[in-house]
PDB file of all heavy atoms in Angstrom:
ATOM      1  N   PRO A   1     170.386 181.148  -7.646  1.00  0.00           N
ATOM      2  CA  PRO A   1     170.045 182.575  -7.635  1.00  0.00           C
ATOM      3  C   PRO A   1     169.330 182.991  -6.363  1.00  0.00           C
ATOM      4  O   PRO A   1     168.689 182.181  -5.696  1.00  0.00           O
ATOM      5  CB  PRO A   1     169.136 182.717  -8.857  1.00  0.00           C
ATOM      6  CG  PRO A   1     168.526 181.367  -9.034  1.00  0.00           C
ATOM      7  CD  PRO A   1     169.580 180.387  -8.616  1.00  0.00           C
ATOM      8  N   GLY A   2     169.452 184.284  -6.057  1.00  0.00           N
ATOM      9  CA  GLY A   2     168.753 184.854  -4.916  1.00  0.00           C
ATOM     10  C   GLY A   2     167.704 185.842  -5.376  1.00  0.00           C
ATOM     11  O   GLY A   2     167.474 186.039  -6.578  1.00  0.00           O
ATOM     12  N   GLN A   3     167.058 186.488  -4.426  1.00  0.00           N
ATOM     13  CA  GLN A   3     165.970 187.417  -4.729  1.00  0.00           C
ATOM     14  C   GLN A   3     166.469 188.801  -5.118  1.00  0.00           C
ATOM     15  O   GLN A   3     165.800 189.524  -5.862  1.00  0.00           O
ATOM     16  CB  GLN A   3     165.035 187.530  -3.517  1.00  0.00           C
ATOM     17  CG  GLN A   3     164.330 186.227  -3.164  1.00  0.00           C
ATOM     18  CD  GLN A   3     163.412 185.734  -4.272  1.00  0.00           C
ATOM     19  OE1 GLN A   3     162.690 186.512  -4.895  1.00  0.00           O
ATOM     20  NE2 GLN A   3     163.444 184.434  -4.538  1.00  0.00           N
ATOM     21  N   GLU A   4     167.634 189.197  -4.600  1.00  0.00           N
ATOM     22  CA  GLU A   4     168.164 190.523  -4.901  1.00  0.00           C
ATOM     23  C   GLU A   4     168.823 190.526  -6.285  1.00  0.00           C
ATOM     24  O   GLU A   4     169.298 189.488  -6.753  1.00  0.00           O
ATOM     25  CB  GLU A   4     169.176 190.950  -3.839  1.00  0.00           C
ATOM     26  CG  GLU A   4     168.607 190.972  -2.424  1.00  0.00           C
ATOM     27  CD  GLU A   4     167.477 191.962  -2.261  1.00  0.00           C
ATOM     28  OE1 GLU A   4     167.478 192.995  -2.983  1.00  0.00           O
ATOM     29  OE2 GLU A   4     166.594 191.736  -1.418  1.00  0.00           O
ATOM     30  N   LEU A   5     168.897 191.719  -6.904  1.00  0.00           N
ATOM     31  CA  LEU A   5     169.449 191.810  -8.256  1.00  0.00           C
ATOM     32  C   LEU A   5     170.883 191.320  -8.315  1.00  0.00           C
ATOM     33  O   LEU A   5     171.267 190.615  -9.243  1.00  0.00           O
ATOM     34  CB  LEU A   5     169.359 193.256  -8.760  1.00  0.00           C
ATOM     35  CG  LEU A   5     169.929 193.508 -10.168  1.00  0.00           C
ATOM     36  CD1 LEU A   5     169.223 192.641 -11.196  1.00  0.00           C
ATOM     37  CD2 LEU A   5     169.814 194.979 -10.526  1.00  0.00           C
ATOM     38  N   TYR A   6     171.697 191.680  -7.301  1.00  0.00           N
ATOM     39  CA  TYR A   6     173.104 191.293  -7.324  1.00  0.00           C
ATOM     40  C   TYR A   6     173.290 189.777  -7.208  1.00  0.00           C
ATOM     41  O   TYR A   6     174.351 189.249  -7.553  1.00  0.00           O
ATOM     42  CB  TYR A   6     173.865 191.995  -6.195  1.00  0.00           C
ATOM     43  CG  TYR A   6     173.512 191.530  -4.802  1.00  0.00           C
ATOM     44  CD1 TYR A   6     174.130 190.417  -4.238  1.00  0.00           C
ATOM     45  CD2 TYR A   6     172.561 192.198  -4.054  1.00  0.00           C
ATOM     46  CE1 TYR A   6     173.791 189.975  -2.963  1.00  0.00           C
ATOM     47  CE2 TYR A   6     172.220 191.778  -2.789  1.00  0.00           C
ATOM     48  CZ  TYR A   6     172.838 190.665  -2.242  1.00  0.00           C
ATOM     49  OH  TYR A   6     172.502 190.239  -0.990  1.00  0.00           O
ATOM     50  N   SER A   7     172.262 189.068  -6.725  1.00  0.00           N
ATOM     51  CA  SER A   7     172.369 187.616  -6.562  1.00  0.00           C
ATOM     52  C   SER A   7     171.509 186.856  -7.565  1.00  0.00           C
ATOM     53  O   SER A   7     171.415 185.630  -7.496  1.00  0.00           O
ATOM     54  CB  SER A   7     171.967 187.219  -5.138  1.00  0.00           C
ATOM     55  OG  SER A   7     170.612 187.560  -4.874  1.00  0.00           O
ATOM     56  N   THR A   8     170.900 187.565  -8.497  1.00  0.00           N
ATOM     57  CA  THR A   8     169.962 186.961  -9.439  1.00  0.00           C
ATOM     58  C   THR A   8     170.601 185.865 -10.285  1.00  0.00           C
ATOM     59  O   THR A   8     169.942 184.880 -10.654  1.00  0.00           O
ATOM     60  CB  THR A   8     169.379 188.043 -10.375  1.00  0.00           C
ATOM     61  OG1 THR A   8     168.648 188.983  -9.586  1.00  0.00           O
ATOM     62  CG2 THR A   8     168.461 187.440 -11.424  1.00  0.00           C
ATOM     63  N   PHE A   9     171.882 186.016 -10.579  1.00  0.00           N
ATOM     64  CA  PHE A   9     172.530 185.112 -11.528  1.00  0.00           C
ATOM     65  C   PHE A   9     173.300 183.979 -10.848  1.00  0.00           C
ATOM     66  O   PHE A   9     173.950 183.188 -11.525  1.00  0.00           O
ATOM     67  CB  PHE A   9     173.467 185.913 -12.431  1.00  0.00           C
ATOM     68  CG  PHE A   9     172.771 187.039 -13.141  1.00  0.00           C
ATOM     69  CD1 PHE A   9     172.835 188.339 -12.651  1.00  0.00           C
ATOM     70  CD2 PHE A   9     172.006 186.803 -14.268  1.00  0.00           C
ATOM     71  CE1 PHE A   9     172.179 189.375 -13.286  1.00  0.00           C
ATOM     72  CE2 PHE A   9     171.341 187.837 -14.915  1.00  0.00           C
ATOM     73  CZ  PHE A   9     171.421 189.122 -14.413  1.00  0.00           C
ATOM     74  N   GLY A  10     173.236 183.894  -9.506  1.00  0.00           N
ATOM     75  CA  GLY A  10     173.952 182.839  -8.804  1.00  0.00           C
ATOM     76  C   GLY A  10     175.385 183.210  -8.503  1.00  0.00           C
ATOM     77  O   GLY A  10     175.788 184.369  -8.624  1.00  0.00           O
ATOM     78  N   HIS A  11     176.175 182.204  -8.136  1.00  0.00           N
ATOM     79  CA  HIS A  11     177.542 182.475  -7.703  1.00  0.00           C
ATOM     80  C   HIS A  11     178.408 181.233  -7.892  1.00  0.00           C
ATOM     81  O   HIS A  11     177.913 180.103  -7.870  1.00  0.00           O
ATOM     82  CB  HIS A  11     177.549 182.913  -6.245  1.00  0.00           C
ATOM     83  CG  HIS A  11     178.875 183.420  -5.766  1.00  0.00           C
ATOM     84  ND1 HIS A  11     179.549 184.448  -6.396  1.00  0.00           N
ATOM     85  CD2 HIS A  11     179.659 183.039  -4.741  1.00  0.00           C
ATOM     86  CE1 HIS A  11     180.681 184.684  -5.761  1.00  0.00           C
ATOM     87  NE2 HIS A  11     180.772 183.837  -4.757  1.00  0.00           N
ATOM     88  N   SER A  12     179.713 181.457  -8.073  1.00  0.00           N
ATOM     89  CA  SER A  12     180.682 180.364  -8.198  1.00  0.00           C
ATOM     90  C   SER A  12     181.884 180.648  -7.303  1.00  0.00           C
ATOM     91  O   SER A  12     182.242 181.816  -7.089  1.00  0.00           O
ATOM     92  CB  SER A  12     181.173 180.213  -9.645  1.00  0.00           C
ATOM     93  OG  SER A  12     180.116 179.913 -10.525  1.00  0.00           O
ATOM     94  N   ALA A  13     182.518 179.585  -6.790  1.00  0.00           N
ATOM     95  CA  ALA A  13     183.695 179.747  -5.930  1.00  0.00           C
ATOM     96  C   ALA A  13     184.466 178.429  -5.875  1.00  0.00           C
ATOM     97  O   ALA A  13     183.957 177.374  -6.284  1.00  0.00           O
ATOM     98  CB  ALA A  13     183.286 180.184  -4.527  1.00  0.00           C
ATOM     99  N   PHE A  14     185.703 178.504  -5.392  1.00  0.00           N
ATOM    100  CA  PHE A  14     186.505 177.313  -5.131  1.00  0.00           C
ATOM    101  C   PHE A  14     186.401 176.952  -3.651  1.00  0.00           C
ATOM    102  O   PHE A  14     186.347 177.827  -2.782  1.00  0.00           O
ATOM    103  CB  PHE A  14     187.987 177.560  -5.465  1.00  0.00           C
ATOM    104  CG  PHE A  14     188.305 177.578  -6.938  1.00  0.00           C
ATOM    105  CD1 PHE A  14     188.541 178.772  -7.590  1.00  0.00           C
ATOM    106  CD2 PHE A  14     188.381 176.396  -7.659  1.00  0.00           C
ATOM    107  CE1 PHE A  14     188.849 178.800  -8.937  1.00  0.00           C
ATOM    108  CE2 PHE A  14     188.686 176.406  -9.010  1.00  0.00           C
ATOM    109  CZ  PHE A  14     188.921 177.610  -9.654  1.00  0.00           C
ATOM    110  N   ARG A  15     186.407 175.657  -3.369  1.00  0.00           N
ATOM    111  CA  ARG A  15     186.434 175.172  -1.982  1.00  0.00           C
ATOM    112  C   ARG A  15     187.653 174.280  -1.785  1.00  0.00           C
ATOM    113  O   ARG A  15     187.906 173.385  -2.596  1.00  0.00           O
ATOM    114  CB  ARG A  15     185.167 174.389  -1.659  1.00  0.00           C
ATOM    115  CG  ARG A  15     185.133 173.832  -0.228  1.00  0.00           C
ATOM    116  CD  ARG A  15     183.919 172.929  -0.009  1.00  0.00           C
ATOM    117  NE  ARG A  15     183.827 172.471   1.363  1.00  0.00           N
ATOM    118  CZ  ARG A  15     182.933 171.585   1.807  1.00  0.00           C
ATOM    119  NH1 ARG A  15     182.058 171.045   0.950  1.00  0.00           N
ATOM    120  NH2 ARG A  15     182.901 171.221   3.076  1.00  0.00           N
ATOM    121  N   LEU A  16     188.395 174.512  -0.725  1.00  0.00           N
ATOM    122  CA  LEU A  16     189.554 173.690  -0.364  1.00  0.00           C
ATOM    123  C   LEU A  16     189.269 172.982   0.951  1.00  0.00           C
ATOM    124  O   LEU A  16     188.911 173.613   1.942  1.00  0.00           O
ATOM    125  CB  LEU A  16     190.811 174.556  -0.214  1.00  0.00           C
ATOM    126  CG  LEU A  16     192.022 173.870   0.439  1.00  0.00           C
ATOM    127  CD1 LEU A  16     192.594 172.790  -0.482  1.00  0.00           C
ATOM    128  CD2 LEU A  16     193.090 174.890   0.809  1.00  0.00           C
ATOM    129  N   GLN A  17     189.428 171.658   0.936  1.00  0.00           N
ATOM    130  CA  GLN A  17     189.267 170.858   2.148  1.00  0.00           C
ATOM    131  C   GLN A  17     190.521 170.033   2.392  1.00  0.00           C
ATOM    132  O   GLN A  17     191.055 169.427   1.469  1.00  0.00           O
ATOM    133  CB  GLN A  17     188.079 169.901   2.017  1.00  0.00           C
ATOM    134  CG  GLN A  17     186.744 170.565   1.742  1.00  0.00           C
ATOM    135  CD  GLN A  17     185.665 169.540   1.466  1.00  0.00           C
ATOM    136  OE1 GLN A  17     185.124 168.922   2.381  1.00  0.00           O
ATOM    137  NE2 GLN A  17     185.341 169.344   0.190  1.00  0.00           N
ATOM    138  N   ASP A  18     190.978 170.040   3.635  1.00  0.00           N
ATOM    139  CA  ASP A  18     192.073 169.161   4.060  1.00  0.00           C
ATOM    140  C   ASP A  18     191.727 168.656   5.455  1.00  0.00           C
ATOM    141  O   ASP A  18     191.949 169.342   6.454  1.00  0.00           O
ATOM    142  CB  ASP A  18     193.411 169.905   4.080  1.00  0.00           C
ATOM    143  CG  ASP A  18     194.587 168.945   4.240  1.00  0.00           C
ATOM    144  OD1 ASP A  18     194.412 167.910   4.922  1.00  0.00           O
ATOM    145  OD2 ASP A  18     195.676 169.220   3.706  1.00  0.00           O
ATOM    146  N   PRO A  19     191.131 167.461   5.553  1.00  0.00           N
ATOM    147  CA  PRO A  19     190.696 166.947   6.856  1.00  0.00           C
ATOM    148  C   PRO A  19     191.850 166.722   7.826  1.00  0.00           C
ATOM    149  O   PRO A  19     191.651 166.784   9.040  1.00  0.00           O
ATOM    150  CB  PRO A  19     189.996 165.630   6.494  1.00  0.00           C
ATOM    151  CG  PRO A  19     190.547 165.246   5.160  1.00  0.00           C
ATOM    152  CD  PRO A  19     190.840 166.520   4.453  1.00  0.00           C
ATOM    153  N   VAL A  20     193.034 166.473   7.302  1.00  0.00           N
ATOM    154  CA  VAL A  20     194.194 166.256   8.173  1.00  0.00           C
ATOM    155  C   VAL A  20     194.584 167.553   8.879  1.00  0.00           C
ATOM    156  O   VAL A  20     194.858 167.580  10.081  1.00  0.00           O
ATOM    157  CB  VAL A  20     195.384 165.697   7.363  1.00  0.00           C
ATOM    158  CG1 VAL A  20     196.624 165.566   8.254  1.00  0.00           C
ATOM    159  CG2 VAL A  20     195.028 164.345   6.763  1.00  0.00           C
ATOM    160  N   LEU A  21     194.589 168.663   8.153  1.00  0.00           N
ATOM    161  CA  LEU A  21     194.950 169.962   8.727  1.00  0.00           C
ATOM    162  C   LEU A  21     193.748 170.715   9.291  1.00  0.00           C
ATOM    163  O   LEU A  21     193.924 171.791   9.868  1.00  0.00           O
ATOM    164  CB  LEU A  21     195.637 170.822   7.659  1.00  0.00           C
ATOM    165  CG  LEU A  21     196.951 170.274   7.072  1.00  0.00           C
ATOM    166  CD1 LEU A  21     197.507 171.250   6.037  1.00  0.00           C
ATOM    167  CD2 LEU A  21     197.967 170.015   8.165  1.00  0.00           C
ATOM    168  N   GLY A  22     192.554 170.166   9.099  1.00  0.00           N
ATOM    169  CA  GLY A  22     191.360 170.848   9.595  1.00  0.00           C
ATOM    170  C   GLY A  22     191.005 172.090   8.802  1.00  0.00           C
ATOM    171  O   GLY A  22     190.443 173.044   9.348  1.00  0.00           O
ATOM    172  N   ILE A  23     191.321 172.079   7.529  1.00  0.00           N
ATOM    173  CA  ILE A  23     191.047 173.234   6.673  1.00  0.00           C
ATOM    174  C   ILE A  23     189.785 172.981   5.855  1.00  0.00           C
ATOM    175  O   ILE A  23     189.631 171.916   5.254  1.00  0.00           O
ATOM    176  CB  ILE A  23     192.234 173.513   5.721  1.00  0.00           C
ATOM    177  CG1 ILE A  23     193.480 173.913   6.513  1.00  0.00           C
ATOM    178  CG2 ILE A  23     191.874 174.597   4.716  1.00  0.00           C
ATOM    179  CD1 ILE A  23     194.725 174.044   5.656  1.00  0.00           C
ATOM    180  N   ASP A  24     188.886 173.947   5.833  1.00  0.00           N
ATOM    181  CA  ASP A  24     187.704 173.906   4.973  1.00  0.00           C
ATOM    182  C   ASP A  24     187.335 175.357   4.669  1.00  0.00           C
ATOM    183  O   ASP A  24     186.606 176.000   5.428  1.00  0.00           O
ATOM    184  CB  ASP A  24     186.553 173.182   5.649  1.00  0.00           C
ATOM    185  CG  ASP A  24     185.405 172.881   4.684  1.00  0.00           C
ATOM    186  OD1 ASP A  24     185.499 173.306   3.515  1.00  0.00           O
ATOM    187  OD2 ASP A  24     184.422 172.230   5.103  1.00  0.00           O
ATOM    188  N   VAL A  25     187.863 175.863   3.558  1.00  0.00           N
ATOM    189  CA  VAL A  25     187.690 177.277   3.237  1.00  0.00           C
ATOM    190  C   VAL A  25     187.200 177.450   1.800  1.00  0.00           C
ATOM    191  O   VAL A  25     187.322 176.550   0.969  1.00  0.00           O
ATOM    192  CB  VAL A  25     189.008 178.067   3.419  1.00  0.00           C
ATOM    193  CG1 VAL A  25     189.433 178.076   4.874  1.00  0.00           C
ATOM    194  CG2 VAL A  25     190.100 177.505   2.524  1.00  0.00           C
ATOM    195  N   VAL A  26     186.666 178.636   1.546  1.00  0.00           N
ATOM    196  CA  VAL A  26     186.175 178.996   0.215  1.00  0.00           C
ATOM    197  C   VAL A  26     186.962 180.192  -0.300  1.00  0.00           C
ATOM    198  O   VAL A  26     187.163 181.166   0.436  1.00  0.00           O
ATOM    199  CB  VAL A  26     184.670 179.343   0.253  1.00  0.00           C
ATOM    200  CG1 VAL A  26     184.216 179.955  -1.065  1.00  0.00           C
ATOM    201  CG2 VAL A  26     183.849 178.092   0.549  1.00  0.00           C
ATOM    202  N   TYR A  27     187.410 180.102  -1.548  1.00  0.00           N
ATOM    203  CA  TYR A  27     188.056 181.229  -2.235  1.00  0.00           C
ATOM    204  C   TYR A  27     186.998 181.857  -3.136  1.00  0.00           C
ATOM    205  O   TYR A  27     186.514 181.225  -4.086  1.00  0.00           O
ATOM    206  CB  TYR A  27     189.257 180.756  -3.043  1.00  0.00           C
ATOM    207  CG  TYR A  27     190.405 180.266  -2.186  1.00  0.00           C
ATOM    208  CD1 TYR A  27     190.489 178.935  -1.785  1.00  0.00           C
ATOM    209  CD2 TYR A  27     191.415 181.139  -1.780  1.00  0.00           C
ATOM    210  CE1 TYR A  27     191.541 178.482  -0.998  1.00  0.00           C
ATOM    211  CE2 TYR A  27     192.471 180.702  -0.997  1.00  0.00           C
ATOM    212  CZ  TYR A  27     192.526 179.378  -0.608  1.00  0.00           C
ATOM    213  OH  TYR A  27     193.572 178.937   0.177  1.00  0.00           O
TER     214      TYR A  27
END
């Protein structure tokens, strides 16, 4: 969680990593 109301409850996301292709992104 963060200090602001919109961030009070935390956050969730997907992360994709492919070291061969050099990809490291978040959906």
